[in-house]
Amino acid sequence: MGETSFVTDQVWSKIPDGSITTPKGFKATGIHTKVKRKRKDLGIIYCEQPVPAAAVYTLNQIQAAPIALTKQVLEDGGHVQAVVVNSGHANACTGHAGLVDAYTVQEKAADVFNMQADNVAVASTGLIGERMKLEKILPGLEQLVPTESKEEASSFAESILTTDTGTKEVCVQVPIDGKVVTIAGVAKGSGMIHPNMATMLGFVTTDAHIEHDVLQQTLSKVTDQTYNRITVDGDTSTNDMVLTMASGEANNQSLTPDHPDWDAFLRAFTHVNEELSKMIAKDGEGATKLIEVVVNGAPTNECAGKVAKQIVGSDLVKTAVYGADANWGRIICAIGYAGVPINPDTIDIGIGPCQTLLQSEPVPFDEEEISVYLQNDTIQIKIDLHVGEGYGKAWGCDLTYDYVRINAGYRT
């Protein structure tokens, strides 16, 4: 099945007021423990019992202590009952002491909520090189009172933020076996964002009945088409994680690729993760515009994705979009060094409604029209390579003066 099916065949319904606690079986909350000066900094997603779970992680070889802990949790049984998340410090590059800190948080959460410690996942985000402030986090765990309410779900969404300008939440419902299955997601991410995960955390809940192995395969596949297609600044972080949990409380028949409603579930699940990916890309540090690159006619879907990522990751393309400059030469340059087979004589490029290149021949266009289009907050660049049937997308943002200002003073 091609990637286009996830876009053209909508089978889900968006739930505008939905949250990660809309799927049956989930509770959440977030609080301020004073690790950060003002904003909430500790949160939890909680189930009454362990449920099938899956996760994907950063490909950076330097990985934070919470990554090691959560990997162990999923390798030991593939089930999770709660995930505890702190923001403000990443607990990365903190040596053995940092790993001990992560396990201390896991054990404390298990004690507070009467769970088995090996069913508690942990995630952290924030400044690299700083250990967890256990003197604030451990008492904070005792203050967490997760509920099913939208308000507490929003508090969780706030508690995981760092330089984000706002929360990132999405919720959909899809019919499976005549039942209503809900899929919801929440994420954070704004800078140090690059394909192959980013400085981002994502959490997806669903009340679908689906086993760990199938859920893991599905999340891994969907990650390649969503989170691995976003970039802000070319840096890949140490803490990136997307974790999904499935309560099974929708009472559908167990989902597998052989299930008659599998495609409907997969499209809805993909949509949730794609929307979260776009929200992250749009909220790039200092960004003013979301850039979507759509590539058709590549040798394969994988090749199309590589070209799209190369374009959206080009600093020259990003700055041109920021300056509302229709410099399509930067786009074709990025195509040329994307490392995939192309025919240099058959490339089409379109910026919004305006064609700038057909069959690698420049097309006259109205500079003012494109300049006006490039002032929108969402910009689409369309490419057709005319060498195959491959299709893919990638997302990023413009590169602004504020990106430098934010990151120049991130630590101080």
Protein backbone atom coordinates (compact mmCIF):
# COMPACT_ATOMS: atom_id res chain seq x y z
CA MET A 1 0.00 0.00 0.00
CA GLY A 2 1.45 3.37 -0.98
CA GLU A 3 1.78 6.27 1.40
CA THR A 4 -0.80 8.27 -0.51
CA SER A 5 -3.57 6.04 0.85
CA PHE A 6 -3.12 7.53 4.30
CA VAL A 7 -3.99 10.95 2.90
CA THR A 8 -6.70 10.24 0.36
CA ASP A 9 -8.76 7.59 2.18
CA GLN A 10 -9.88 9.23 5.40
CA VAL A 11 -11.78 6.82 7.63
CA TRP A 12 -11.37 8.56 10.98
CA SER A 13 -13.15 11.42 12.69
CA LYS A 14 -11.26 14.14 14.52
CA ILE A 15 -12.25 14.81 18.12
CA PRO A 16 -11.52 18.52 18.63
CA ASP A 17 -11.73 18.36 22.44
CA GLY A 18 -10.04 14.97 22.69
CA SER A 19 -6.89 14.20 24.64
CA ILE A 20 -4.67 11.33 25.66
CA THR A 21 -7.29 10.39 28.26
CA THR A 22 -10.13 10.18 25.73
CA PRO A 23 -9.25 6.56 24.84
CA LYS A 24 -10.79 4.33 27.52
CA GLY A 25 -8.49 3.19 30.28
CA PHE A 26 -6.11 6.14 30.58
CA LYS A 27 -5.56 8.84 33.18
CA ALA A 28 -3.00 11.64 33.27
CA THR A 29 -1.84 14.75 35.07
CA GLY A 30 1.04 17.19 35.28
CA ILE A 31 2.31 19.49 38.03
CA HIS A 32 4.97 22.08 38.86
CA THR A 33 7.67 20.77 41.21
CA LYS A 34 9.89 23.87 40.88
CA VAL A 35 12.50 22.07 38.77
CA LYS A 36 11.56 24.77 36.27
CA ARG A 37 10.96 28.29 37.46
CA LYS A 38 7.29 28.59 36.49
CA ARG A 39 6.01 25.95 34.08
CA LYS A 40 4.80 22.45 34.91
CA ASP A 41 7.67 19.95 34.85
CA LEU A 42 6.45 16.52 36.00
CA GLY A 43 3.70 14.39 34.49
CA ILE A 44 2.31 10.88 34.28
CA ILE A 45 0.11 8.78 32.00
CA TYR A 46 -1.42 5.96 34.01
CA CYS A 47 -3.48 2.81 33.46
CA GLU A 48 -5.21 0.67 36.07
CA GLN A 49 -3.26 -2.35 34.81
CA PRO A 50 -0.28 -3.09 32.53
CA VAL A 51 -1.19 -2.82 28.83
CA PRO A 52 0.63 -3.66 25.57
CA ALA A 53 3.09 -0.93 24.66
CA ALA A 54 5.72 -0.09 22.05
CA ALA A 55 8.39 2.55 21.64
CA VAL A 56 10.95 3.97 19.24
CA TYR A 57 14.04 5.88 20.29
CA THR A 58 16.66 8.31 19.10
CA LEU A 59 19.37 6.91 16.81
CA ASN A 60 21.98 9.08 18.46
CA GLN A 61 24.62 6.73 19.88
CA ILE A 62 24.66 8.86 23.01
CA GLN A 63 21.39 7.99 24.74
CA ALA A 64 20.01 9.33 28.00
CA ALA A 65 19.44 7.15 31.06
CA PRO A 66 15.62 7.11 30.66
CA ILE A 67 16.04 5.57 27.20
CA ALA A 68 18.02 2.67 28.66
CA LEU A 69 15.44 2.16 31.40
CA THR A 70 12.41 2.23 29.09
CA LYS A 71 14.09 -0.10 26.59
CA GLN A 72 14.56 -2.59 29.43
CA VAL A 73 10.92 -2.28 30.48
CA LEU A 74 9.67 -3.11 26.99
CA GLU A 75 12.21 -5.86 26.38
CA ASP A 76 11.19 -7.58 29.60
CA GLY A 77 7.49 -7.91 28.83
CA GLY A 78 6.19 -5.44 26.29
CA HIS A 79 3.68 -4.03 28.77
CA VAL A 80 3.56 -0.66 30.53
CA GLN A 81 1.22 0.60 33.24
CA ALA A 82 2.54 4.15 33.52
CA VAL A 83 5.05 6.51 32.01
CA VAL A 84 6.58 9.25 34.16
CA VAL A 85 7.96 12.28 32.33
CA ASN A 86 10.03 15.17 33.66
CA SER A 87 11.14 18.29 31.81
CA GLY A 88 13.85 20.78 32.66
CA HIS A 89 16.76 18.36 32.74
CA ALA A 90 17.47 15.55 30.30
CA ASN A 91 19.38 13.17 32.61
CA ALA A 92 21.69 12.57 29.64
CA CYS A 93 25.47 12.17 29.85
CA THR A 94 25.14 11.86 33.62
CA GLY A 95 27.00 8.55 33.97
CA HIS A 96 26.04 5.71 36.28
CA ALA A 97 24.54 8.16 38.78
CA GLY A 98 22.05 9.30 36.16
CA LEU A 99 20.93 5.74 35.54
CA VAL A 100 20.49 5.22 39.28
CA ASP A 101 18.39 8.40 39.38
CA ALA A 102 16.12 7.14 36.60
CA TYR A 103 15.56 3.82 38.37
CA THR A 104 14.93 5.67 41.64
CA VAL A 105 12.13 7.61 39.96
CA GLN A 106 10.74 4.39 38.50
CA GLU A 107 10.72 2.67 41.88
CA LYS A 108 9.20 5.65 43.66
CA ALA A 109 6.39 5.88 41.08
CA ALA A 110 5.74 2.15 41.45
CA ASP A 111 5.48 2.55 45.22
CA VAL A 112 3.18 5.59 45.04
CA PHE A 113 0.78 3.98 42.56
CA ASN A 114 1.10 0.39 43.79
CA MET A 115 2.58 -0.94 40.53
CA GLN A 116 5.37 -3.28 39.58
CA ALA A 117 8.47 -1.19 38.90
CA ASP A 118 9.21 -3.07 35.69
CA ASN A 119 5.92 -1.77 34.25
CA VAL A 120 6.90 1.89 34.70
CA ALA A 121 8.57 3.71 31.80
CA VAL A 122 10.48 6.96 32.32
CA ALA A 123 11.20 9.84 29.93
CA SER A 124 13.12 13.08 30.41
CA THR A 125 13.74 16.22 28.37
CA GLY A 126 15.72 19.37 28.97
CA LEU A 127 19.32 20.37 29.48
CA ILE A 128 21.94 17.70 28.75
CA GLY A 129 24.50 17.01 31.49
CA GLU A 130 22.27 17.75 34.48
CA ARG A 131 21.13 15.04 36.88
CA MET A 132 17.53 14.79 37.95
CA LYS A 133 16.62 16.95 40.93
CA LEU A 134 15.33 14.07 43.01
CA GLU A 135 14.72 16.29 46.02
CA LYS A 136 11.91 17.90 43.98
CA ILE A 137 10.81 15.05 41.71
CA LEU A 138 10.35 12.35 44.34
CA PRO A 139 8.00 14.44 46.53
CA GLY A 140 6.33 15.58 43.33
CA LEU A 141 5.42 11.99 42.46
CA GLU A 142 3.37 11.83 45.64
CA GLN A 143 1.40 14.89 44.51
CA LEU A 144 0.36 13.39 41.16
CA VAL A 145 -3.35 12.58 41.00
CA PRO A 146 -4.07 11.37 37.45
CA THR A 147 -7.67 11.52 36.24
CA GLU A 148 -9.56 11.06 32.98
CA SER A 149 -10.38 14.77 32.69
CA LYS A 150 -9.40 16.93 29.75
CA GLU A 151 -7.96 19.46 32.20
CA GLU A 152 -5.50 16.99 33.70
CA ALA A 153 -4.58 15.66 30.25
CA SER A 154 -3.77 19.24 29.26
CA SER A 155 -1.68 19.58 32.41
CA PHE A 156 0.34 16.57 31.27
CA ALA A 157 0.77 18.13 27.82
CA GLU A 158 2.12 21.27 29.49
CA SER A 159 4.44 19.38 31.83
CA ILE A 160 6.56 17.91 29.03
CA LEU A 161 7.33 21.20 27.26
CA THR A 162 10.71 22.93 27.07
CA THR A 163 11.15 25.68 24.45
CA ASP A 164 7.82 24.81 22.83
CA THR A 165 5.44 27.72 22.36
CA GLY A 166 2.39 25.57 23.09
CA THR A 167 1.04 22.08 23.62
CA LYS A 168 0.67 19.56 20.82
CA GLU A 169 -2.37 17.27 21.01
CA VAL A 170 -4.51 15.32 18.54
CA CYS A 171 -7.33 12.79 18.91
CA VAL A 172 -9.33 10.73 16.40
CA GLN A 173 -11.88 7.93 16.41
CA VAL A 174 -12.27 5.13 13.87
CA PRO A 175 -14.81 2.27 13.54
CA ILE A 176 -13.31 -1.17 14.10
CA ASP A 177 -15.51 -4.30 14.32
CA GLY A 178 -18.48 -2.02 14.79
CA LYS A 179 -16.82 -0.54 17.88
CA VAL A 180 -15.50 3.01 18.29
CA VAL A 181 -11.73 2.92 18.67
CA THR A 182 -10.01 6.10 19.87
CA ILE A 183 -6.40 7.06 19.19
CA ALA A 184 -4.87 10.13 20.81
CA GLY A 185 -1.42 11.66 20.97
CA VAL A 186 0.56 14.36 22.73
CA ALA A 187 4.08 15.53 21.95
CA LYS A 188 6.77 18.06 22.66
CA GLY A 189 9.55 19.28 20.42
CA SER A 190 10.83 22.58 19.11
CA GLY A 191 14.60 22.52 18.60
CA MET A 192 17.36 19.95 18.05
CA ILE A 193 14.96 18.35 15.57
CA HIS A 194 16.17 16.17 12.71
CA PRO A 195 15.01 13.02 10.88
CA ASN A 196 15.74 9.78 12.75
CA MET A 197 13.96 11.24 15.74
CA ALA A 198 14.61 14.59 17.32
CA THR A 199 14.63 16.35 20.68
CA MET A 200 11.09 15.26 21.00
CA LEU A 201 8.86 13.13 23.13
CA GLY A 202 5.63 11.65 21.86
CA PHE A 203 2.98 9.61 23.66
CA VAL A 204 0.10 7.88 21.89
CA THR A 205 -2.78 6.16 23.67
CA THR A 206 -5.45 3.96 22.14
CA ASP A 207 -8.20 1.75 23.52
CA ALA A 208 -7.80 -0.64 20.59
CA HIS A 209 -7.10 -4.28 21.31
CA ILE A 210 -3.67 -4.89 19.73
CA GLU A 211 -0.77 -6.97 21.01
CA HIS A 212 2.73 -5.67 21.74
CA ASP A 213 4.50 -7.23 18.74
CA VAL A 214 2.00 -5.87 16.21
CA LEU A 215 1.95 -2.49 17.94
CA GLN A 216 5.76 -2.32 17.82
CA GLN A 217 5.92 -3.18 14.14
CA THR A 218 3.22 -0.61 13.39
CA LEU A 219 4.86 2.19 15.38
CA SER A 220 8.24 1.51 13.76
CA LYS A 221 6.73 1.64 10.28
CA VAL A 222 4.70 4.76 10.94
CA THR A 223 7.69 6.52 12.56
CA ASP A 224 9.59 6.18 9.27
CA GLN A 225 6.78 8.07 7.52
CA THR A 226 6.21 10.74 10.17
CA TYR A 227 8.71 11.60 12.92
CA ASN A 228 11.63 10.55 10.73
CA ARG A 229 10.44 13.05 8.10
CA ILE A 230 10.74 16.22 10.17
CA THR A 231 13.68 18.55 10.66
CA VAL A 232 14.30 21.94 12.25
CA ASP A 233 18.03 22.32 12.63
CA GLY A 234 19.84 19.10 11.70
CA ASP A 235 20.66 18.04 15.27
CA THR A 236 19.58 14.65 16.64
CA SER A 237 19.08 14.61 20.41
CA THR A 238 19.89 12.09 23.15
CA ASN A 239 16.44 11.70 24.71
CA ASP A 240 13.98 11.25 21.85
CA MET A 241 11.23 8.74 22.36
CA VAL A 242 7.76 7.95 21.10
CA LEU A 243 5.81 5.53 23.27
CA THR A 244 2.37 4.13 22.57
CA MET A 245 0.04 2.18 24.86
CA ALA A 246 -3.07 0.15 23.98
CA SER A 247 -5.64 -0.51 26.73
CA GLY A 248 -7.84 -2.86 24.70
CA GLU A 249 -10.96 -1.40 26.31
CA ALA A 250 -12.71 -0.75 22.99
CA ASN A 251 -13.29 -4.53 22.98
CA ASN A 252 -12.59 -5.02 19.28
CA GLN A 253 -11.12 -8.25 17.93
CA SER A 254 -7.35 -8.24 18.23
CA LEU A 255 -5.87 -6.12 15.45
CA THR A 256 -3.36 -7.61 13.03
CA PRO A 257 -2.62 -6.94 9.35
CA ASP A 258 -5.09 -9.74 8.56
CA HIS A 259 -7.98 -8.01 10.35
CA PRO A 260 -10.59 -6.68 7.86
CA ASP A 261 -10.41 -3.20 9.48
CA TRP A 262 -6.62 -3.12 9.71
CA ASP A 263 -6.19 -0.49 6.99
CA ALA A 264 -8.65 1.81 8.74
CA PHE A 265 -6.75 1.53 12.03
CA LEU A 266 -3.39 2.02 10.32
CA ARG A 267 -4.54 5.15 8.51
CA ALA A 268 -5.96 6.65 11.69
CA PHE A 269 -2.84 5.75 13.69
CA THR A 270 -0.64 7.23 10.96
CA HIS A 271 -2.73 10.40 10.88
CA VAL A 272 -2.28 10.99 14.62
CA ASN A 273 1.49 10.64 14.37
CA GLU A 274 1.70 12.72 11.19
CA GLU A 275 -0.25 15.54 12.81
CA LEU A 276 2.03 15.49 15.85
CA SER A 277 5.07 15.54 13.53
CA LYS A 278 3.76 18.58 11.69
CA MET A 279 3.02 20.38 14.94
CA ILE A 280 6.60 19.80 16.06
CA ALA A 281 8.02 21.03 12.77
CA LYS A 282 5.79 24.10 12.78
CA ASP A 283 6.87 24.95 16.33
CA GLY A 284 10.57 24.95 15.49
CA GLU A 285 12.47 27.39 17.67
CA GLY A 286 11.93 30.86 16.27
CA ALA A 287 9.94 29.49 13.33
CA THR A 288 7.24 31.46 11.57
CA LYS A 289 6.24 28.94 8.88
CA LEU A 290 5.66 25.23 8.41
CA ILE A 291 7.26 23.86 5.24
CA GLU A 292 5.79 20.72 3.65
CA VAL A 293 7.68 19.10 0.77
CA VAL A 294 5.81 16.58 -1.37
CA VAL A 295 7.81 14.42 -3.80
CA ASN A 296 6.29 12.33 -6.57
CA GLY A 297 7.89 10.28 -9.34
CA ALA A 298 10.87 8.97 -7.35
CA PRO A 299 12.32 5.48 -7.90
CA THR A 300 10.81 4.32 -4.56
CA ASN A 301 8.88 5.74 -1.60
CA GLU A 302 12.11 5.65 0.39
CA CYS A 303 13.90 7.71 -2.26
CA ALA A 304 11.03 10.21 -2.32
CA GLY A 305 11.30 10.59 1.44
CA LYS A 306 15.04 11.19 1.23
CA VAL A 307 14.61 13.93 -1.37
CA ALA A 308 11.85 15.58 0.62
CA LYS A 309 13.95 15.53 3.80
CA GLN A 310 16.96 16.93 1.97
CA ILE A 311 14.96 19.88 0.68
CA VAL A 312 13.22 20.71 3.93
CA GLY A 313 16.52 20.38 5.81
CA SER A 314 18.45 22.78 3.59
CA ASP A 315 19.38 25.94 5.48
CA LEU A 316 19.33 27.84 2.20
CA VAL A 317 15.79 26.68 1.41
CA LYS A 318 14.70 27.46 4.97
CA THR A 319 16.11 30.97 4.90
CA ALA A 320 14.62 31.62 1.45
CA VAL A 321 11.19 30.66 2.79
CA TYR A 322 11.70 32.94 5.78
CA GLY A 323 12.58 35.81 3.44
CA ALA A 324 9.68 35.02 1.05
CA ASP A 325 12.25 34.58 -1.74
CA ALA A 326 11.22 32.25 -4.61
CA ASN A 327 14.75 30.92 -5.02
CA TRP A 328 13.94 27.55 -6.63
CA GLY A 329 17.61 27.09 -7.46
CA ARG A 330 18.22 26.16 -3.84
CA ILE A 331 15.53 23.49 -4.13
CA ILE A 332 16.95 21.80 -7.21
CA CYS A 333 20.41 21.98 -5.66
CA ALA A 334 19.15 20.03 -2.62
CA ILE A 335 17.54 17.45 -4.92
CA GLY A 336 20.86 16.93 -6.63
CA TYR A 337 22.75 16.00 -3.47
CA ALA A 338 20.00 13.94 -1.83
CA GLY A 339 21.82 10.77 -2.84
CA VAL A 340 19.04 9.09 -4.82
CA PRO A 341 18.84 8.22 -8.54
CA ILE A 342 17.32 11.05 -10.59
CA ASN A 343 17.22 12.27 -14.17
CA PRO A 344 18.54 15.86 -14.14
CA ASP A 345 16.45 16.62 -17.24
CA THR A 346 12.97 15.63 -15.98
CA ILE A 347 12.44 17.58 -12.73
CA ASP A 348 9.33 19.65 -11.97
CA ILE A 349 9.24 22.16 -9.10
CA GLY A 350 6.23 24.04 -7.80
CA ILE A 351 6.05 26.52 -4.94
CA GLY A 352 2.47 26.73 -3.75
CA PRO A 353 0.25 27.50 -6.78
CA CYS A 354 3.18 28.54 -8.98
CA GLN A 355 5.22 26.29 -11.25
CA THR A 356 8.86 27.33 -11.44
CA LEU A 357 10.39 24.38 -13.32
CA LEU A 358 9.00 21.87 -15.85
CA GLN A 359 11.12 19.03 -17.15
CA SER A 360 14.12 20.92 -15.73
CA GLU A 361 13.31 23.98 -17.83
CA PRO A 362 12.63 27.31 -16.06
CA VAL A 363 9.03 28.50 -16.32
CA PRO A 364 8.14 32.21 -16.24
CA PHE A 365 6.31 33.06 -13.02
CA ASP A 366 5.05 36.08 -11.15
CA GLU A 367 7.64 36.93 -8.46
CA GLU A 368 5.12 38.99 -6.54
CA GLU A 369 2.56 36.17 -6.53
CA ILE A 370 5.04 33.68 -5.05
CA SER A 371 6.34 36.27 -2.60
CA VAL A 372 2.82 36.82 -1.33
CA TYR A 373 2.27 33.05 -1.09
CA LEU A 374 5.51 32.62 0.88
CA GLN A 375 4.17 34.93 3.56
CA ASN A 376 1.60 32.29 4.57
CA ASP A 377 2.22 30.27 7.72
CA THR A 378 2.17 26.96 5.80
CA ILE A 379 4.24 26.57 2.64
CA GLN A 380 4.07 23.60 0.27
CA ILE A 381 6.80 22.71 -2.21
CA LYS A 382 5.90 20.09 -4.82
CA ILE A 383 8.46 18.02 -6.71
CA ASP A 384 7.99 15.49 -9.52
CA LEU A 385 11.13 13.61 -10.54
CA HIS A 386 9.44 11.59 -13.35
CA VAL A 387 11.64 8.53 -12.83
CA GLY A 388 9.28 6.17 -10.96
CA GLU A 389 6.19 5.80 -8.79
CA GLY A 390 7.73 6.69 -5.44
CA TYR A 391 5.89 9.18 -3.21
CA GLY A 392 6.90 10.82 0.06
CA LYS A 393 6.62 13.85 2.30
CA ALA A 394 8.74 15.72 4.82
CA TRP A 395 8.14 18.67 7.11
CA GLY A 396 10.26 21.44 8.52
CA CYS A 397 10.22 25.15 9.23
CA ASP A 398 11.90 28.35 8.19
CA LEU A 399 15.17 29.46 9.79
CA THR A 400 14.92 32.81 11.51
CA TYR A 401 16.95 35.27 13.56
CA ASP A 402 15.08 34.10 16.65
CA TYR A 403 16.46 30.55 16.27
CA VAL A 404 19.96 31.92 16.88
CA ARG A 405 18.77 34.09 19.78
CA ILE A 406 16.98 31.21 21.53
CA ASN A 407 19.84 28.74 21.18
CA ALA A 408 22.60 31.21 21.94
CA GLY A 409 21.19 31.56 25.43
CA TYR A 410 19.59 28.16 26.01
CA ARG A 411 21.84 27.21 28.94
CA THR A 412 22.47 30.64 30.42
